[in-house]
PDB file of N, CA and C in Angstrom:
ATOM      1  N   MET A   1      75.791  -6.772 151.275  1.00  0.00           N
ATOM      2  CA  MET A   1      76.895  -5.524 151.990  1.00  0.00           C
ATOM      3  C   MET A   1      76.736  -4.191 151.444  1.00  0.00           C
ATOM      4  N   VAL A   2      77.558  -3.421 152.276  1.00  0.00           N
ATOM      5  CA  VAL A   2      77.029  -1.967 151.683  1.00  0.00           C
ATOM      6  C   VAL A   2      78.353  -1.331 151.160  1.00  0.00           C
ATOM      7  N   VAL A   3      78.120  -0.428 150.708  1.00  0.00           N
ATOM      8  CA  VAL A   3      78.952   0.261 149.402  1.00  0.00           C
ATOM      9  C   VAL A   3      80.344   1.100 150.565  1.00  0.00           C
ATOM     10  N   PRO A   4      81.670   0.779 150.308  1.00  0.00           N
ATOM     11  CA  PRO A   4      82.399   0.819 151.181  1.00  0.00           C
ATOM     12  C   PRO A   4      82.975   1.996 151.096  1.00  0.00           C
ATOM     13  N   PRO A   5      83.756   2.710 152.299  1.00  0.00           N
ATOM     14  CA  PRO A   5      84.216   4.229 151.965  1.00  0.00           C
ATOM     15  C   PRO A   5      84.561   4.112 150.388  1.00  0.00           C
ATOM     16  N   PRO A   6      84.890   5.284 150.437  1.00  0.00           N
ATOM     17  CA  PRO A   6      85.580   5.896 149.515  1.00  0.00           C
ATOM     18  C   PRO A   6      86.566   5.526 148.750  1.00  0.00           C
ATOM     19  N   ASP A   7      87.224   5.511 150.370  1.00  0.00           N
ATOM     20  CA  ASP A   7      89.070   4.833 149.927  1.00  0.00           C
ATOM     21  C   ASP A   7      89.434   3.338 149.851  1.00  0.00           C
ATOM     22  N   ASN A   8      88.387   3.024 150.150  1.00  0.00           N
ATOM     23  CA  ASN A   8      88.301   1.069 149.999  1.00  0.00           C
ATOM     24  C   ASN A   8      89.326   0.575 151.678  1.00  0.00           C
ATOM     25  N   THR A   9      89.936   2.233 152.046  1.00  0.00           N
ATOM     26  CA  THR A   9      90.833   1.182 152.878  1.00  0.00           C
ATOM     27  C   THR A   9      90.097   1.073 154.432  1.00  0.00           C
ATOM     28  N   PRO A  10      90.665   0.213 154.949  1.00  0.00           N
ATOM     29  CA  PRO A  10      90.690   0.606 156.286  1.00  0.00           C
ATOM     30  C   PRO A  10      91.105   1.935 157.329  1.00  0.00           C
ATOM     31  N   GLN A  11      90.165   2.336 158.420  1.00  0.00           N
ATOM     32  CA  GLN A  11      90.726   3.797 158.844  1.00  0.00           C
ATOM     33  C   GLN A  11      90.975   2.737 161.059  1.00  0.00           C
ATOM     34  N   PRO A  12      91.523   4.179 160.995  1.00  0.00           N
ATOM     35  CA  PRO A  12      91.511   3.187 163.100  1.00  0.00           C
ATOM     36  C   PRO A  12      90.255   3.158 163.041  1.00  0.00           C
ATOM     37  N   TYR A  13      90.290   2.427 164.360  1.00  0.00           N
ATOM     38  CA  TYR A  13      89.050   2.040 165.112  1.00  0.00           C
ATOM     39  C   TYR A  13      87.505   0.920 164.186  1.00  0.00           C
ATOM     40  N   ASP A  14      88.135   0.617 162.454  1.00  0.00           N
ATOM     41  CA  ASP A  14      87.610  -0.147 162.298  1.00  0.00           C
ATOM     42  C   ASP A  14      88.050  -1.543 162.744  1.00  0.00           C
ATOM     43  N   HIS A  15      87.345  -2.448 162.905  1.00  0.00           N
ATOM     44  CA  HIS A  15      87.285  -3.769 162.823  1.00  0.00           C
ATOM     45  C   HIS A  15      87.715  -4.811 161.140  1.00  0.00           C
ATOM     46  N   VAL A  16      88.647  -5.794 161.638  1.00  0.00           N
ATOM     47  CA  VAL A  16      88.952  -6.156 160.250  1.00  0.00           C
ATOM     48  C   VAL A  16      89.292  -7.924 160.753  1.00  0.00           C
ATOM     49  N   HIS A  17      89.330  -8.804 160.288  1.00  0.00           N
ATOM     50  CA  HIS A  17      89.192 -10.343 159.826  1.00  0.00           C
ATOM     51  C   HIS A  17      90.311 -10.246 158.728  1.00  0.00           C
ATOM     52  N   LEU A  18      91.204 -11.339 158.948  1.00  0.00           N
ATOM     53  CA  LEU A  18      92.972 -11.653 158.398  1.00  0.00           C
ATOM     54  C   LEU A  18      92.259 -12.492 157.399  1.00  0.00           C
ATOM     55  N   ARG A  19      92.963 -12.284 155.867  1.00  0.00           N
ATOM     56  CA  ARG A  19      92.934 -13.691 155.361  1.00  0.00           C
ATOM     57  C   ARG A  19      92.719 -15.062 156.268  1.00  0.00           C
ATOM     58  N   PRO A  20      92.754 -16.528 155.349  1.00  0.00           N
ATOM     59  CA  PRO A  20      93.493 -17.793 156.498  1.00  0.00           C
ATOM     60  C   PRO A  20      94.543 -17.574 156.708  1.00  0.00           C
ATOM     61  N   ASP A  21      95.183 -17.538 154.627  1.00  0.00           N
ATOM     62  CA  ASP A  21      96.457 -17.547 154.878  1.00  0.00           C
ATOM     63  C   ASP A  21      97.632 -16.443 154.834  1.00  0.00           C
ATOM     64  N   ASN A  22      97.280 -15.583 155.972  1.00  0.00           N
ATOM     65  CA  ASN A  22      97.929 -14.411 156.560  1.00  0.00           C
ATOM     66  C   ASN A  22      99.190 -14.625 156.916  1.00  0.00           C
ATOM     67  N   ARG A  23      99.743 -13.306 156.483  1.00  0.00           N
ATOM     68  CA  ARG A  23     101.521 -13.413 157.525  1.00  0.00           C
ATOM     69  C   ARG A  23     101.490 -13.790 158.416  1.00  0.00           C
ATOM     70  N   LEU A  24     101.015 -13.584 159.402  1.00  0.00           N
ATOM     71  CA  LEU A  24     100.832 -13.691 160.796  1.00  0.00           C
ATOM     72  C   LEU A  24     100.931 -15.292 161.834  1.00  0.00           C
ATOM     73  N   GLY A  25      99.664 -15.401 160.797  1.00  0.00           N
ATOM     74  CA  GLY A  25      99.540 -17.496 161.424  1.00  0.00           C
ATOM     75  C   GLY A  25      98.037 -17.188 162.335  1.00  0.00           C
ATOM     76  N   ALA A  26      98.162 -15.603 162.358  1.00  0.00           N
ATOM     77  CA  ALA A  26      96.678 -15.697 163.204  1.00  0.00           C
ATOM     78  C   ALA A  26      95.391 -15.761 162.744  1.00  0.00           C
ATOM     79  N   ASP A  27      94.395 -16.174 163.838  1.00  0.00           N
ATOM     80  CA  ASP A  27      92.912 -16.491 163.828  1.00  0.00           C
ATOM     81  C   ASP A  27      91.889 -16.006 162.627  1.00  0.00           C
ATOM     82  N   PRO A  28      91.798 -16.465 161.529  1.00  0.00           N
ATOM     83  CA  PRO A  28      90.919 -15.639 160.280  1.00  0.00           C
ATOM     84  C   PRO A  28      89.425 -15.399 161.118  1.00  0.00           C
ATOM     85  N   ARG A  29      89.155 -16.356 162.041  1.00  0.00           N
ATOM     86  CA  ARG A  29      87.905 -15.923 162.960  1.00  0.00           C
ATOM     87  C   ARG A  29      87.422 -14.526 163.912  1.00  0.00           C
ATOM     88  N   THR A  30      88.934 -14.515 164.630  1.00  0.00           N
ATOM     89  CA  THR A  30      88.960 -13.238 165.462  1.00  0.00           C
ATOM     90  C   THR A  30      89.409 -12.038 164.907  1.00  0.00           C
ATOM     91  N   PRO A  31      88.573 -11.016 165.649  1.00  0.00           N
ATOM     92  CA  PRO A  31      87.989  -9.439 164.953  1.00  0.00           C
ATOM     93  C   PRO A  31      89.300  -8.733 165.747  1.00  0.00           C
ATOM     94  N   TYR A  32      89.613  -8.307 165.058  1.00  0.00           N
ATOM     95  CA  TYR A  32      90.898  -7.568 165.009  1.00  0.00           C
ATOM     96  C   TYR A  32      90.464  -5.861 164.792  1.00  0.00           C
ATOM     97  N   LEU A  33      91.588  -4.752 165.947  1.00  0.00           N
ATOM     98  CA  LEU A  33      90.683  -3.686 165.891  1.00  0.00           C
ATOM     99  C   LEU A  33      92.371  -3.032 165.036  1.00  0.00           C
ATOM    100  N   VAL A  34      91.342  -2.120 164.467  1.00  0.00           N
ATOM    101  CA  VAL A  34      93.026  -1.353 163.955  1.00  0.00           C
ATOM    102  C   VAL A  34      93.185   0.153 164.555  1.00  0.00           C
ATOM    103  N   ALA A  35      94.098  -0.218 164.506  1.00  0.00           N
ATOM    104  CA  ALA A  35      94.768   1.175 166.313  1.00  0.00           C
ATOM    105  C   ALA A  35      95.443   1.883 165.126  1.00  0.00           C
ATOM    106  N   ASP A  36      96.302   1.548 164.276  1.00  0.00           N
ATOM    107  CA  ASP A  36      96.551   3.013 163.595  1.00  0.00           C
ATOM    108  C   ASP A  36      96.780   2.828 161.668  1.00  0.00           C
ATOM    109  N   THR A  37      97.572   3.202 161.147  1.00  0.00           N
ATOM    110  CA  THR A  37      97.579   3.247 159.744  1.00  0.00           C
ATOM    111  C   THR A  37      99.129   3.983 159.183  1.00  0.00           C
ATOM    112  N   GLU A  38      99.929   3.264 159.272  1.00  0.00           N
ATOM    113  CA  GLU A  38     100.718   3.427 158.826  1.00  0.00           C
ATOM    114  C   GLU A  38     101.738   3.567 157.286  1.00  0.00           C
ATOM    115  N   PRO A  39     101.988   4.530 156.960  1.00  0.00           N
ATOM    116  CA  PRO A  39     103.085   4.440 155.326  1.00  0.00           C
ATOM    117  C   PRO A  39     103.528   3.777 155.085  1.00  0.00           C
ATOM    118  N   PRO A  40     103.680   3.034 154.083  1.00  0.00           N
ATOM    119  CA  PRO A  40     102.856   2.987 152.653  1.00  0.00           C
ATOM    120  C   PRO A  40     101.719   1.260 153.373  1.00  0.00           C
ATOM    121  N   GLY A  41     101.028   1.744 153.647  1.00  0.00           N
ATOM    122  CA  GLY A  41      99.890   0.612 153.370  1.00  0.00           C
ATOM    123  C   GLY A  41      99.818  -0.320 154.692  1.00  0.00           C
ATOM    124  N   THR A  42     100.536   0.400 156.058  1.00  0.00           N
ATOM    125  CA  THR A  42     100.350  -0.717 156.689  1.00  0.00           C
ATOM    126  C   THR A  42      99.105  -0.365 157.732  1.00  0.00           C
ATOM    127  N   TYR A  43      99.169  -1.377 158.557  1.00  0.00           N
ATOM    128  CA  TYR A  43      97.718  -1.107 159.784  1.00  0.00           C
ATOM    129  C   TYR A  43      98.541  -2.018 161.167  1.00  0.00           C
ATOM    130  N   THR A  44      98.709  -1.092 162.318  1.00  0.00           N
ATOM    131  CA  THR A  44      98.753  -1.480 163.286  1.00  0.00           C
ATOM    132  C   THR A  44      97.780  -2.161 163.528  1.00  0.00           C
ATOM    133  N   LEU A  45      97.397  -3.419 164.630  1.00  0.00           N
ATOM    134  CA  LEU A  45      96.092  -4.115 164.795  1.00  0.00           C
ATOM    135  C   LEU A  45      96.184  -4.692 165.829  1.00  0.00           C
ATOM    136  N   TRP A  46      94.764  -4.011 166.990  1.00  0.00           N
ATOM    137  CA  TRP A  46      95.586  -4.810 168.464  1.00  0.00           C
ATOM    138  C   TRP A  46      94.472  -6.127 168.699  1.00  0.00           C
ATOM    139  N   HIS A  47      94.328  -6.848 169.590  1.00  0.00           N
ATOM    140  CA  HIS A  47      92.278  -7.323 169.958  1.00  0.00           C
ATOM    141  C   HIS A  47      91.553  -6.622 170.588  1.00  0.00           C
ATOM    142  N   LEU A  48      90.537  -6.619 170.325  1.00  0.00           N
ATOM    143  CA  LEU A  48      89.184  -6.033 171.135  1.00  0.00           C
ATOM    144  C   LEU A  48      89.236  -6.035 172.770  1.00  0.00           C
ATOM    145  N   ALA A  49      89.234  -5.174 173.533  1.00  0.00           N
ATOM    146  CA  ALA A  49      89.452  -4.698 174.349  1.00  0.00           C
ATOM    147  C   ALA A  49      88.898  -5.767 175.537  1.00  0.00           C
ATOM    148  N   ASP A  50      87.884  -6.937 174.762  1.00  0.00           N
ATOM    149  CA  ASP A  50      87.493  -8.382 175.284  1.00  0.00           C
ATOM    150  C   ASP A  50      88.046  -9.286 175.362  1.00  0.00           C
ATOM    151  N   HIS A  51      89.316  -8.964 174.507  1.00  0.00           N
ATOM    152  CA  HIS A  51      89.899 -10.323 174.325  1.00  0.00           C
ATOM    153  C   HIS A  51      90.976 -10.905 175.315  1.00  0.00           C
ATOM    154  N   PRO A  52      91.578 -11.861 175.954  1.00  0.00           N
ATOM    155  CA  PRO A  52      92.348 -12.062 177.148  1.00  0.00           C
ATOM    156  C   PRO A  52      94.055 -11.643 176.877  1.00  0.00           C
ATOM    157  N   GLU A  53      93.828 -11.861 175.690  1.00  0.00           N
ATOM    158  CA  GLU A  53      95.443 -11.501 174.977  1.00  0.00           C
ATOM    159  C   GLU A  53      95.876  -9.541 174.417  1.00  0.00           C
ATOM    160  N   HIS A  54      94.196  -9.328 175.031  1.00  0.00           N
ATOM    161  CA  HIS A  54      94.510  -7.443 174.600  1.00  0.00           C
ATOM    162  C   HIS A  54      95.500  -6.767 175.223  1.00  0.00           C
ATOM    163  N   HIS A  55      96.456  -6.821 176.043  1.00  0.00           N
ATOM    164  CA  HIS A  55      97.286  -5.575 176.465  1.00  0.00           C
ATOM    165  C   HIS A  55      98.832  -6.989 175.813  1.00  0.00           C
ATOM    166  N   ASP A  56      98.483  -8.060 175.144  1.00  0.00           N
ATOM    167  CA  ASP A  56      99.816  -8.683 175.145  1.00  0.00           C
ATOM    168  C   ASP A  56     100.119  -8.888 173.588  1.00  0.00           C
ATOM    169  N   TRP A  57      99.238  -8.455 172.730  1.00  0.00           N
ATOM    170  CA  TRP A  57      99.230  -8.633 171.496  1.00  0.00           C
ATOM    171  C   TRP A  57      99.435  -7.363 170.503  1.00  0.00           C
ATOM    172  N   ALA A  58     100.126  -6.897 169.520  1.00  0.00           N
ATOM    173  CA  ALA A  58      99.645  -6.345 168.508  1.00  0.00           C
ATOM    174  C   ALA A  58     100.449  -7.103 166.975  1.00  0.00           C
ATOM    175  N   ALA A  59     100.236  -6.632 166.014  1.00  0.00           N
ATOM    176  CA  ALA A  59     101.124  -6.701 164.995  1.00  0.00           C
ATOM    177  C   ALA A  59     100.558  -5.681 164.245  1.00  0.00           C
ATOM    178  N   ALA A  60     101.277  -5.486 162.856  1.00  0.00           N
ATOM    179  CA  ALA A  60     101.445  -4.656 161.512  1.00  0.00           C
ATOM    180  C   ALA A  60     101.199  -5.738 160.321  1.00  0.00           C
ATOM    181  N   VAL A  61     100.317  -5.071 159.607  1.00  0.00           N
ATOM    182  CA  VAL A  61      99.716  -6.257 158.700  1.00  0.00           C
ATOM    183  C   VAL A  61      99.484  -5.604 157.313  1.00  0.00           C
ATOM    184  N   THR A  62      99.475  -5.447 155.734  1.00  0.00           N
ATOM    185  CA  THR A  62      98.718  -4.663 154.842  1.00  0.00           C
ATOM    186  C   THR A  62      97.945  -5.180 154.326  1.00  0.00           C
ATOM    187  N   LEU A  63      97.774  -4.524 153.611  1.00  0.00           N
ATOM    188  CA  LEU A  63      96.157  -4.778 152.977  1.00  0.00           C
ATOM    189  C   LEU A  63      95.755  -6.687 152.139  1.00  0.00           C
ATOM    190  N   ASP A  64      96.843  -7.120 151.971  1.00  0.00           N
ATOM    191  CA  ASP A  64      97.082  -7.946 150.802  1.00  0.00           C
ATOM    192  C   ASP A  64      96.536  -8.782 152.487  1.00  0.00           C
ATOM    193  N   ASP A  65      96.336  -8.945 153.696  1.00  0.00           N
ATOM    194  CA  ASP A  65      96.191  -9.863 154.883  1.00  0.00           C
ATOM    195  C   ASP A  65      94.469  -9.379 155.560  1.00  0.00           C
ATOM    196  N   ILE A  66      94.260  -8.476 154.724  1.00  0.00           N
ATOM    197  CA  ILE A  66      92.702  -7.980 155.501  1.00  0.00           C
ATOM    198  C   ILE A  66      91.655  -8.761 154.267  1.00  0.00           C
ATOM    199  N   ALA A  67      90.985  -9.642 155.409  1.00  0.00           N
ATOM    200  CA  ALA A  67      89.914 -10.301 153.919  1.00  0.00           C
ATOM    201  C   ALA A  67      88.544  -9.005 154.179  1.00  0.00           C
ATOM    202  N   LEU A  68      88.634  -8.781 155.496  1.00  0.00           N
ATOM    203  CA  LEU A  68      86.740  -8.061 155.629  1.00  0.00           C
ATOM    204  C   LEU A  68      87.285  -6.726 156.418  1.00  0.00           C
ATOM    205  N   ALA A  69      86.965  -5.917 155.834  1.00  0.00           N
ATOM    206  CA  ALA A  69      86.465  -4.805 157.095  1.00  0.00           C
ATOM    207  C   ALA A  69      85.180  -4.524 157.399  1.00  0.00           C
ATOM    208  N   VAL A  70      85.444  -3.828 158.815  1.00  0.00           N
ATOM    209  CA  VAL A  70      83.216  -3.612 159.224  1.00  0.00           C
ATOM    210  C   VAL A  70      83.960  -2.586 159.897  1.00  0.00           C
ATOM    211  N   ARG A  71      83.053  -0.992 159.542  1.00  0.00           N
ATOM    212  CA  ARG A  71      83.067  -0.018 160.385  1.00  0.00           C
ATOM    213  C   ARG A  71      81.636   0.411 160.846  1.00  0.00           C
ATOM    214  N   VAL A  72      81.310   0.499 161.959  1.00  0.00           N
ATOM    215  CA  VAL A  72      80.827   0.653 162.674  1.00  0.00           C
ATOM    216  C   VAL A  72      80.418   2.289 163.109  1.00  0.00           C
ATOM    217  N   THR A  73      79.335   3.533 162.942  1.00  0.00           N
ATOM    218  CA  THR A  73      79.014   4.861 162.726  1.00  0.00           C
ATOM    219  C   THR A  73      77.671   4.765 163.569  1.00  0.00           C
ATOM    220  N   THR A  74      76.594   6.277 163.707  1.00  0.00           N
ATOM    221  CA  THR A  74      76.205   6.493 164.548  1.00  0.00           C
ATOM    222  C   THR A  74      75.165   6.240 163.864  1.00  0.00           C
ATOM    223  N   THR A  75      75.222   5.660 161.892  1.00  0.00           N
ATOM    224  CA  THR A  75      73.772   6.121 161.196  1.00  0.00           C
ATOM    225  C   THR A  75      73.473   4.945 160.820  1.00  0.00           C
ATOM    226  N   ASP A  76      75.268   3.713 160.641  1.00  0.00           N
ATOM    227  CA  ASP A  76      74.738   2.348 159.617  1.00  0.00           C
ATOM    228  C   ASP A  76      75.990   1.879 160.287  1.00  0.00           C
ATOM    229  N   THR A  77      76.609   0.929 159.444  1.00  0.00           N
ATOM    230  CA  THR A  77      77.010  -0.417 159.174  1.00  0.00           C
ATOM    231  C   THR A  77      77.793  -0.794 158.180  1.00  0.00           C
ATOM    232  N   ARG A  78      78.891  -0.962 157.984  1.00  0.00           N
ATOM    233  CA  ARG A  78      79.138  -0.862 156.123  1.00  0.00           C
ATOM    234  C   ARG A  78      80.732  -2.123 156.809  1.00  0.00           C
ATOM    235  N   THR A  79      80.308  -3.001 155.826  1.00  0.00           N
ATOM    236  CA  THR A  79      81.429  -4.397 155.823  1.00  0.00           C
ATOM    237  C   THR A  79      82.156  -4.219 154.112  1.00  0.00           C
ATOM    238  N   TRP A  80      82.811  -4.455 154.023  1.00  0.00           N
ATOM    239  CA  TRP A  80      83.463  -4.725 152.623  1.00  0.00           C
ATOM    240  C   TRP A  80      84.669  -5.281 152.724  1.00  0.00           C
ATOM    241  N   THR A  81      84.719  -5.886 151.444  1.00  0.00           N
ATOM    242  CA  THR A  81      85.963  -6.553 151.516  1.00  0.00           C
ATOM    243  C   THR A  81      87.228  -5.523 150.443  1.00  0.00           C
ATOM    244  N   PRO A  82      88.221  -5.135 151.620  1.00  0.00           N
ATOM    245  CA  PRO A  82      89.041  -4.182 151.059  1.00  0.00           C
ATOM    246  C   PRO A  82      90.373  -4.570 149.437  1.00  0.00           C
ATOM    247  N   THR A  83      90.474  -4.080 148.811  1.00  0.00           N
ATOM    248  CA  THR A  83      91.500  -4.486 147.969  1.00  0.00           C
ATOM    249  C   THR A  83      92.782  -3.639 148.068  1.00  0.00           C
ATOM    250  N   PRO A  84      93.855  -4.421 147.505  1.00  0.00           N
ATOM    251  CA  PRO A  84      94.875  -3.503 147.312  1.00  0.00           C
ATOM    252  C   PRO A  84      95.189  -3.057 146.101  1.00  0.00           C
TER     253      PRO A  84
END
């Protein structure tokens, strides 16, 4: 695991996986894209572009629902567990 970003919170364009007991009942194996962040601590998620429900699904979650975050940059990939 790479050291998380200094603020430890997912940002737009990061990918996240949700906890198995997330409030949406969404599949924890499915990666989601953070589309936007809304104060205070709400994350708008979309399915990835290659998902069949990409245009038909969006949700808002809090940090409590996020189990894993992944940030890919031009120089590295960071994977971390955000903490509320």
